[in-house]
Amino acid sequence: MILPVVLVLTAADAFLAPSPMRKVPSRRATEAPELDDADLSALSTAATRMQLERRFSRSVTRRKRVYLPYADAARWARGLGLSSREDWEEWVGLGEGKNAYVPSRPADYYGGRGEWVSWAHYLVGGGDADAAPAPPPEVLPQNYFADLDYADDAVPWDLRGRPQPAVRKAWAAGAFRNCREILDCGCGAGDNANYLASRGHAVVGFDLSPSAVAAARERAAAPPFADSIADAGGSARFEVASCADLFDSPVYALAEEIGGFPVALDSALLHCLDDKMQRRYVAELAKVVRTGGRLYVGCFSDANPDPWSNPRRLSEAHLRALFAGPAWRVEAVEPAWYERPRAMNEGHRSGAWTMAWWCRICRLGAM
């Protein structure tokens, strides 16, 4: 009868005096693996890319709020009997301003669209009460681009020697692998063209701006591009030309010499053109891209929300319709991100990013 007693006592001891928890030694901070600048940069880039992809996904799927045009909203607001901003804010604060078609902060919303006049105009009106100012155009006149001074002006797309990430990604994916010659349409200061030339391609870039062409030539002849282009056996040539009149430009003569360009790149030119100019441009491209060649287009997407000014935002449907003629076939339209100069997003190392489309288009035999 001794054994049961021992078992009971042992069980009781185990209950009353539990064994201490085993301590798992923790890694001290000094034992953590050290990361150099390259590792930290890679982690930061990966985290930024994940955030941007999630934001883009939400933006594409989220339904955007669309309010009445300024003139219609103002006519509705004038029927409330309010006369000042203070009256409006008090009315909104009482919960009366919930309207799916009129913004509760009209000065912010319509001001961002370039349509806001004043609180007096919005709430009371006057002789020109229904004459709201026109919103800023999404397509700037072509002389704006022709007259830009790349040496002195703050050009809102000049990355100062760095190619667009979308272009780098396309090259890494093999988009330009089986071609020697590339036509860079609207080349600007030549950063994309010089990058591709430094990978061994013979690139011809054209732009409407003489200043842009001068800057592109200067950058191609200076470090770091000059050495990398020479080492890779590439070349970069830049000409002043209009995308709406390539037939009378040096670009057409160069295309004839090689039987048409096998690849053309449009990085942020198409969205700077109105509908008429786009149709002329697409017709001109068909004259200089060979049958079976490819056109790669990067342009701003209609997923970018208001407020917006320019350049224009293009929808996938618009792009497919534009290239639906007998000379072209759209093979892919995919979401992408376009980088804008860091100065446009001061304080953020990643620069200013804009939602875009990246398109692959095949040149067919017909004209």
Protein backbone atom coordinates (compact mmCIF):
# COMPACT_ATOMS: atom_id res chain seq x y z
CA MET A 1 0.00 0.00 0.00
CA ILE A 2 3.03 2.29 -0.01
CA LEU A 3 3.10 2.81 -3.78
CA PRO A 4 -0.27 4.60 -4.07
CA VAL A 5 0.72 7.00 -1.32
CA VAL A 6 3.97 7.83 -3.10
CA LEU A 7 2.08 8.43 -6.33
CA VAL A 8 -0.41 10.73 -4.60
CA LEU A 9 2.38 12.66 -2.90
CA THR A 10 4.28 12.95 -6.18
CA ALA A 11 1.20 14.24 -7.98
CA ALA A 12 0.51 16.72 -5.19
CA ASP A 13 4.07 17.95 -5.26
CA ALA A 14 3.81 18.42 -8.99
CA PHE A 15 0.60 20.44 -8.58
CA LEU A 16 1.81 22.56 -5.66
CA ALA A 17 5.31 23.20 -6.96
CA PRO A 18 5.29 23.32 -10.75
CA SER A 19 8.67 23.16 -12.41
CA PRO A 20 9.99 26.50 -13.51
CA MET A 21 9.43 27.45 -17.17
CA ARG A 22 12.37 26.84 -19.40
CA LYS A 23 13.88 30.13 -20.49
CA VAL A 24 14.67 30.36 -24.15
CA PRO A 25 17.70 32.50 -24.62
CA SER A 26 16.83 35.51 -26.72
CA ARG A 27 19.11 36.88 -29.36
CA ARG A 28 20.66 40.07 -28.23
CA ALA A 29 20.54 43.09 -30.48
CA THR A 30 24.29 42.84 -30.94
CA GLU A 31 23.86 39.33 -32.34
CA ALA A 32 21.46 40.38 -35.13
CA PRO A 33 22.87 40.09 -38.63
CA GLU A 34 24.20 43.37 -39.86
CA LEU A 35 22.77 44.85 -43.06
CA ASP A 36 24.85 47.01 -45.33
CA ASP A 37 23.52 49.94 -47.34
CA ALA A 38 22.76 47.75 -50.36
CA ASP A 39 20.66 45.34 -48.22
CA LEU A 40 18.76 48.20 -46.61
CA SER A 41 18.16 49.80 -49.98
CA ALA A 42 16.83 46.52 -51.39
CA LEU A 43 14.49 46.06 -48.40
CA SER A 44 13.26 49.64 -48.70
CA THR A 45 12.64 49.21 -52.43
CA ALA A 46 10.74 45.96 -51.88
CA ALA A 47 8.59 47.50 -49.13
CA THR A 48 7.83 50.55 -51.27
CA ARG A 49 6.89 48.34 -54.22
CA MET A 50 4.50 46.30 -52.06
CA GLN A 51 2.84 49.44 -50.74
CA LEU A 52 2.46 50.90 -54.22
CA GLU A 53 1.04 47.67 -55.63
CA ARG A 54 -1.52 47.43 -52.83
CA ARG A 55 -2.48 51.08 -53.30
CA PHE A 56 -2.80 50.64 -57.07
CA SER A 57 -4.95 47.54 -56.60
CA ARG A 58 -7.27 49.39 -54.24
CA SER A 59 -7.46 52.38 -56.56
CA VAL A 60 -8.40 50.26 -59.55
CA THR A 61 -11.14 48.39 -57.72
CA ARG A 62 -12.48 51.24 -55.60
CA ARG A 63 -15.32 53.23 -57.07
CA LYS A 64 -14.39 56.90 -57.33
CA ARG A 65 -16.73 59.59 -55.96
CA VAL A 66 -17.96 61.87 -58.73
CA TYR A 67 -19.74 65.10 -57.85
CA LEU A 68 -21.82 67.49 -59.91
CA PRO A 69 -19.98 69.96 -62.14
CA TYR A 70 -19.26 73.27 -60.43
CA ALA A 71 -22.04 75.24 -62.15
CA ASP A 72 -24.72 72.66 -61.26
CA ALA A 73 -23.51 72.34 -57.65
CA ALA A 74 -23.48 76.13 -57.28
CA ARG A 75 -27.05 76.44 -58.57
CA TRP A 76 -28.13 73.84 -56.01
CA ALA A 77 -26.21 75.53 -53.16
CA ARG A 78 -27.76 78.93 -53.89
CA GLY A 79 -31.17 77.51 -53.08
CA LEU A 80 -30.16 76.92 -49.45
CA GLY A 81 -30.29 80.58 -48.46
CA LEU A 82 -26.70 80.58 -47.11
CA SER A 83 -24.39 83.54 -47.66
CA SER A 84 -20.93 82.74 -46.26
CA ARG A 85 -18.42 80.00 -45.63
CA GLU A 86 -19.31 80.07 -41.91
CA ASP A 87 -22.98 79.48 -42.76
CA TRP A 88 -22.04 76.54 -44.98
CA GLU A 89 -19.77 74.92 -42.39
CA GLU A 90 -22.43 75.30 -39.68
CA TRP A 91 -25.01 73.75 -42.00
CA VAL A 92 -22.66 70.86 -42.80
CA GLY A 93 -21.81 70.46 -39.09
CA LEU A 94 -25.47 69.95 -38.29
CA GLY A 95 -25.46 66.93 -40.56
CA GLU A 96 -27.40 68.63 -43.29
CA GLY A 97 -24.59 68.56 -45.85
CA LYS A 98 -24.62 64.85 -46.62
CA ASN A 99 -25.24 64.76 -50.35
CA ALA A 100 -23.88 62.15 -52.71
CA TYR A 101 -23.67 64.68 -55.54
CA VAL A 102 -22.32 67.81 -53.82
CA PRO A 103 -19.04 67.86 -51.85
CA SER A 104 -19.13 68.96 -48.23
CA ARG A 105 -15.88 70.86 -48.82
CA PRO A 106 -16.54 72.43 -52.20
CA ALA A 107 -13.61 74.86 -52.07
CA ASP A 108 -11.17 71.95 -51.74
CA TYR A 109 -12.83 69.77 -54.36
CA TYR A 110 -13.50 72.36 -57.06
CA GLY A 111 -10.34 74.26 -56.18
CA GLY A 112 -8.31 71.14 -56.92
CA ARG A 113 -9.98 70.99 -60.33
CA GLY A 114 -9.23 74.65 -61.03
CA GLU A 115 -12.95 75.57 -61.04
CA TRP A 116 -13.46 77.32 -57.70
CA VAL A 117 -14.33 81.05 -57.82
CA SER A 118 -15.31 82.15 -54.30
CA TRP A 119 -17.76 81.39 -51.51
CA ALA A 120 -19.87 84.38 -52.53
CA HIS A 121 -20.05 83.10 -56.08
CA TYR A 122 -20.85 79.55 -54.94
CA LEU A 123 -23.56 80.44 -52.41
CA VAL A 124 -25.02 83.73 -53.68
CA GLY A 125 -24.01 84.15 -57.30
CA GLY A 126 -24.26 87.27 -59.37
CA GLY A 127 -24.53 88.45 -62.92
CA ASP A 128 -22.18 85.69 -64.02
CA ALA A 129 -23.43 83.17 -61.49
CA ASP A 130 -23.67 80.34 -64.00
CA ALA A 131 -20.35 81.09 -65.68
CA ALA A 132 -17.86 78.93 -63.81
CA PRO A 133 -14.31 79.06 -65.12
CA ALA A 134 -13.37 76.24 -67.44
CA PRO A 135 -11.26 73.48 -65.90
CA PRO A 136 -7.62 73.40 -66.95
CA PRO A 137 -7.04 71.41 -70.14
CA GLU A 138 -5.64 67.91 -69.80
CA VAL A 139 -3.79 68.42 -73.08
CA LEU A 140 -1.37 71.34 -73.24
CA PRO A 141 -0.71 73.10 -76.56
CA GLN A 142 2.19 71.67 -78.54
CA ASN A 143 4.15 74.93 -78.37
CA TYR A 144 4.41 74.36 -74.61
CA PHE A 145 6.53 71.28 -75.27
CA ALA A 146 8.44 72.85 -78.16
CA ASP A 147 9.46 75.89 -76.08
CA LEU A 148 10.58 74.06 -72.92
CA ASP A 149 14.10 74.93 -71.79
CA TYR A 150 15.61 71.80 -70.28
CA ALA A 151 18.53 73.79 -68.92
CA ASP A 152 16.49 76.25 -66.85
CA ASP A 153 12.88 75.05 -66.58
CA ALA A 154 11.61 72.53 -64.03
CA VAL A 155 10.56 69.88 -66.54
CA PRO A 156 7.97 67.72 -64.74
CA TRP A 157 9.11 64.43 -66.31
CA ASP A 158 12.88 64.81 -66.45
CA LEU A 159 14.51 62.23 -64.16
CA ARG A 160 17.96 63.75 -64.73
CA GLY A 161 19.84 60.79 -66.11
CA ARG A 162 17.68 57.93 -64.87
CA PRO A 163 15.43 55.89 -67.20
CA GLN A 164 11.84 55.17 -66.33
CA PRO A 165 11.52 52.08 -64.10
CA ALA A 166 8.91 50.69 -66.50
CA VAL A 167 11.45 50.86 -69.34
CA ARG A 168 14.13 49.16 -67.24
CA LYS A 169 11.66 46.45 -66.26
CA ALA A 170 10.64 45.89 -69.90
CA TRP A 171 14.28 45.56 -70.97
CA ALA A 172 14.99 43.09 -68.16
CA ALA A 173 11.95 41.06 -69.24
CA GLY A 174 13.34 40.79 -72.78
CA ALA A 175 11.06 43.26 -74.57
CA PHE A 176 13.98 44.57 -76.67
CA ARG A 177 16.03 41.38 -76.78
CA ASN A 178 15.72 40.45 -80.46
CA CYS A 179 16.30 43.86 -82.00
CA ARG A 180 19.22 46.16 -82.66
CA GLU A 181 17.46 49.41 -83.67
CA ILE A 182 14.92 51.19 -81.44
CA LEU A 183 12.95 54.37 -82.11
CA ASP A 184 12.32 56.47 -78.98
CA CYS A 185 9.29 58.70 -79.61
CA GLY A 186 9.18 61.92 -77.60
CA CYS A 187 12.59 61.12 -76.14
CA GLY A 188 12.85 64.23 -73.94
CA ALA A 189 16.36 64.53 -72.51
CA GLY A 190 17.20 61.04 -73.74
CA ASP A 191 17.44 59.10 -70.50
CA ASN A 192 15.50 56.07 -71.81
CA ALA A 193 17.32 56.15 -75.15
CA ASN A 194 20.75 56.43 -73.54
CA TYR A 195 19.93 53.62 -71.14
CA LEU A 196 18.96 51.32 -74.04
CA ALA A 197 22.03 52.39 -76.03
CA SER A 198 24.18 51.45 -73.04
CA ARG A 199 22.68 47.95 -73.40
CA GLY A 200 23.99 47.63 -76.96
CA HIS A 201 21.06 49.00 -78.99
CA ALA A 202 21.23 51.55 -81.79
CA VAL A 203 18.64 54.08 -80.64
CA VAL A 204 17.16 57.00 -82.56
CA GLY A 205 15.22 59.47 -80.42
CA PHE A 206 13.14 62.40 -81.57
CA ASP A 207 11.43 65.22 -79.74
CA LEU A 208 9.57 68.41 -80.60
CA SER A 209 11.80 70.45 -78.29
CA PRO A 210 15.21 71.54 -79.63
CA SER A 211 16.29 72.03 -76.02
CA ALA A 212 15.35 68.44 -75.17
CA VAL A 213 17.35 67.12 -78.13
CA ALA A 214 20.35 69.23 -77.13
CA ALA A 215 20.15 67.89 -73.56
CA ALA A 216 19.87 64.29 -74.83
CA ARG A 217 22.96 64.68 -77.02
CA GLU A 218 24.88 66.26 -74.16
CA ARG A 219 24.02 63.47 -71.72
CA ALA A 220 24.89 60.79 -74.28
CA ALA A 221 28.36 62.29 -74.70
CA ALA A 222 29.07 62.61 -70.97
CA PRO A 223 29.63 60.09 -68.15
CA PRO A 224 28.16 57.73 -67.22
CA PHE A 225 26.38 57.08 -70.51
CA ALA A 226 29.29 57.80 -72.88
CA ASP A 227 31.47 55.01 -71.47
CA SER A 228 28.68 52.46 -71.06
CA ILE A 229 27.36 53.07 -74.59
CA ALA A 230 30.83 52.62 -76.06
CA ASP A 231 31.52 49.49 -74.00
CA ALA A 232 28.23 47.90 -75.07
CA GLY A 233 28.68 48.77 -78.75
CA GLY A 234 25.50 50.83 -78.81
CA SER A 235 24.69 54.23 -80.24
CA ALA A 236 22.29 57.08 -79.56
CA ARG A 237 21.17 59.65 -82.14
CA PHE A 238 18.68 62.45 -81.49
CA GLU A 239 16.65 64.54 -83.94
CA VAL A 240 14.12 67.36 -83.70
CA ALA A 241 10.82 66.17 -85.17
CA SER A 242 7.06 66.27 -84.63
CA CYS A 243 5.26 63.02 -83.94
CA ALA A 244 2.49 64.23 -86.24
CA ASP A 245 4.83 64.70 -89.21
CA LEU A 246 7.51 62.01 -89.25
CA PHE A 247 7.40 61.64 -93.05
CA ASP A 248 9.24 64.93 -93.59
CA SER A 249 11.76 64.36 -90.80
CA PRO A 250 15.16 62.61 -90.61
CA VAL A 251 13.41 59.81 -88.73
CA TYR A 252 11.65 58.64 -91.90
CA ALA A 253 14.89 58.56 -93.89
CA LEU A 254 16.59 56.53 -91.16
CA ALA A 255 13.65 54.12 -91.07
CA GLU A 256 13.90 53.60 -94.84
CA GLU A 257 17.58 52.73 -94.55
CA ILE A 258 16.91 49.82 -92.21
CA GLY A 259 13.55 48.69 -93.60
CA GLY A 260 11.61 50.17 -90.68
CA PHE A 261 12.34 50.09 -86.97
CA PRO A 262 11.76 46.69 -85.36
CA VAL A 263 10.80 48.34 -82.06
CA ALA A 264 9.42 51.76 -81.13
CA LEU A 265 9.12 53.11 -77.60
CA ASP A 266 6.62 55.75 -76.49
CA SER A 267 7.32 56.61 -72.88
CA ALA A 268 4.82 59.32 -71.84
CA LEU A 269 4.24 60.96 -75.23
CA LEU A 270 0.81 59.62 -76.21
CA HIS A 271 -0.96 61.11 -73.19
CA CYS A 272 0.29 64.59 -74.16
CA LEU A 273 -1.79 64.58 -77.38
CA ASP A 274 -5.46 65.28 -78.04
CA ASP A 275 -7.57 62.80 -79.96
CA LYS A 276 -6.82 64.30 -83.39
CA MET A 277 -3.07 64.41 -82.77
CA GLN A 278 -3.12 60.85 -81.43
CA ARG A 279 -4.70 59.55 -84.65
CA ARG A 280 -2.14 61.40 -86.80
CA TYR A 281 0.70 60.13 -84.63
CA VAL A 282 -0.45 56.50 -84.83
CA ALA A 283 -0.70 56.80 -88.63
CA GLU A 284 2.80 58.30 -88.83
CA LEU A 285 4.24 55.53 -86.65
CA ALA A 286 2.91 52.93 -89.07
CA LYS A 287 5.21 54.46 -91.72
CA VAL A 288 8.40 53.93 -89.70
CA VAL A 289 7.79 50.64 -87.82
CA ARG A 290 8.29 47.49 -89.89
CA THR A 291 5.69 44.76 -90.28
CA GLY A 292 5.89 42.42 -87.30
CA GLY A 293 7.58 45.09 -85.19
CA ARG A 294 6.50 46.09 -81.71
CA LEU A 295 5.43 49.39 -80.19
CA TYR A 296 5.69 49.77 -76.40
CA VAL A 297 3.60 52.56 -74.88
CA GLY A 298 3.71 53.88 -71.32
CA CYS A 299 0.99 56.41 -70.48
CA PHE A 300 -0.94 57.70 -67.48
CA SER A 301 -3.96 55.66 -66.43
CA ASP A 302 -7.53 56.77 -65.83
CA ALA A 303 -7.22 55.07 -62.42
CA ASN A 304 -5.52 58.26 -61.16
CA PRO A 305 -8.14 60.12 -59.09
CA ASP A 306 -9.28 63.73 -59.19
CA PRO A 307 -8.17 66.44 -58.77
CA TRP A 308 -6.16 66.27 -61.98
CA SER A 309 -4.87 68.74 -64.51
CA ASN A 310 -2.53 67.30 -67.15
CA PRO A 311 -1.38 65.31 -68.99
CA ARG A 312 -4.52 63.43 -69.83
CA ARG A 313 -5.47 60.11 -68.29
CA LEU A 314 -6.21 57.34 -70.77
CA SER A 315 -8.45 54.33 -70.29
CA GLU A 316 -7.70 50.82 -71.50
CA ALA A 317 -10.75 51.04 -73.76
CA HIS A 318 -9.41 54.24 -75.33
CA LEU A 319 -6.02 52.65 -76.02
CA ARG A 320 -7.52 49.54 -77.58
CA ALA A 321 -9.83 51.64 -79.78
CA LEU A 322 -6.97 53.90 -80.89
CA PHE A 323 -4.91 50.95 -82.13
CA ALA A 324 -7.84 48.94 -83.49
CA GLY A 325 -7.14 49.82 -87.13
CA PRO A 326 -5.71 47.49 -89.78
CA ALA A 327 -2.09 48.55 -89.07
CA TRP A 328 -1.95 47.59 -85.39
CA ARG A 329 -3.03 44.92 -82.91
CA VAL A 330 -2.96 45.43 -79.14
CA GLU A 331 -1.34 42.42 -77.51
CA ALA A 332 -1.29 43.52 -73.86
CA VAL A 333 -2.33 46.44 -71.63
CA GLU A 334 -1.00 46.07 -68.10
CA PRO A 335 -0.96 48.33 -65.00
CA ALA A 336 2.36 50.00 -64.27
CA TRP A 337 3.86 52.81 -62.22
CA TYR A 338 5.55 55.88 -63.65
CA GLU A 339 8.07 57.86 -61.67
CA ARG A 340 8.12 61.65 -61.68
CA PRO A 341 10.99 63.87 -60.49
CA ARG A 342 11.69 63.81 -56.74
CA ALA A 343 11.30 67.59 -56.63
CA MET A 344 7.58 67.05 -57.25
CA ASN A 345 7.33 65.09 -54.00
CA GLU A 346 9.85 66.89 -51.82
CA GLY A 347 10.93 64.94 -48.76
CA HIS A 348 10.16 61.49 -50.17
CA ARG A 349 13.11 59.46 -51.49
CA SER A 350 10.89 57.42 -53.77
CA GLY A 351 9.85 60.40 -55.88
CA ALA A 352 6.31 61.01 -57.09
CA TRP A 353 4.62 57.94 -58.55
CA THR A 354 1.71 57.94 -60.99
CA MET A 355 -0.51 55.04 -62.04
CA ALA A 356 0.02 54.15 -65.67
CA TRP A 357 -0.53 51.60 -68.41
CA TRP A 358 2.21 49.63 -70.16
CA CYS A 359 1.11 48.43 -73.60
CA ARG A 360 2.59 46.01 -76.13
CA ILE A 361 1.29 46.59 -79.66
CA CYS A 362 2.14 44.66 -82.83
CA ARG A 363 2.61 46.29 -86.24
CA LEU A 364 0.52 44.45 -88.83
CA GLY A 365 1.08 44.48 -92.58
CA ALA A 366 -1.84 46.70 -93.60
CA MET A 367 -1.81 50.50 -93.61
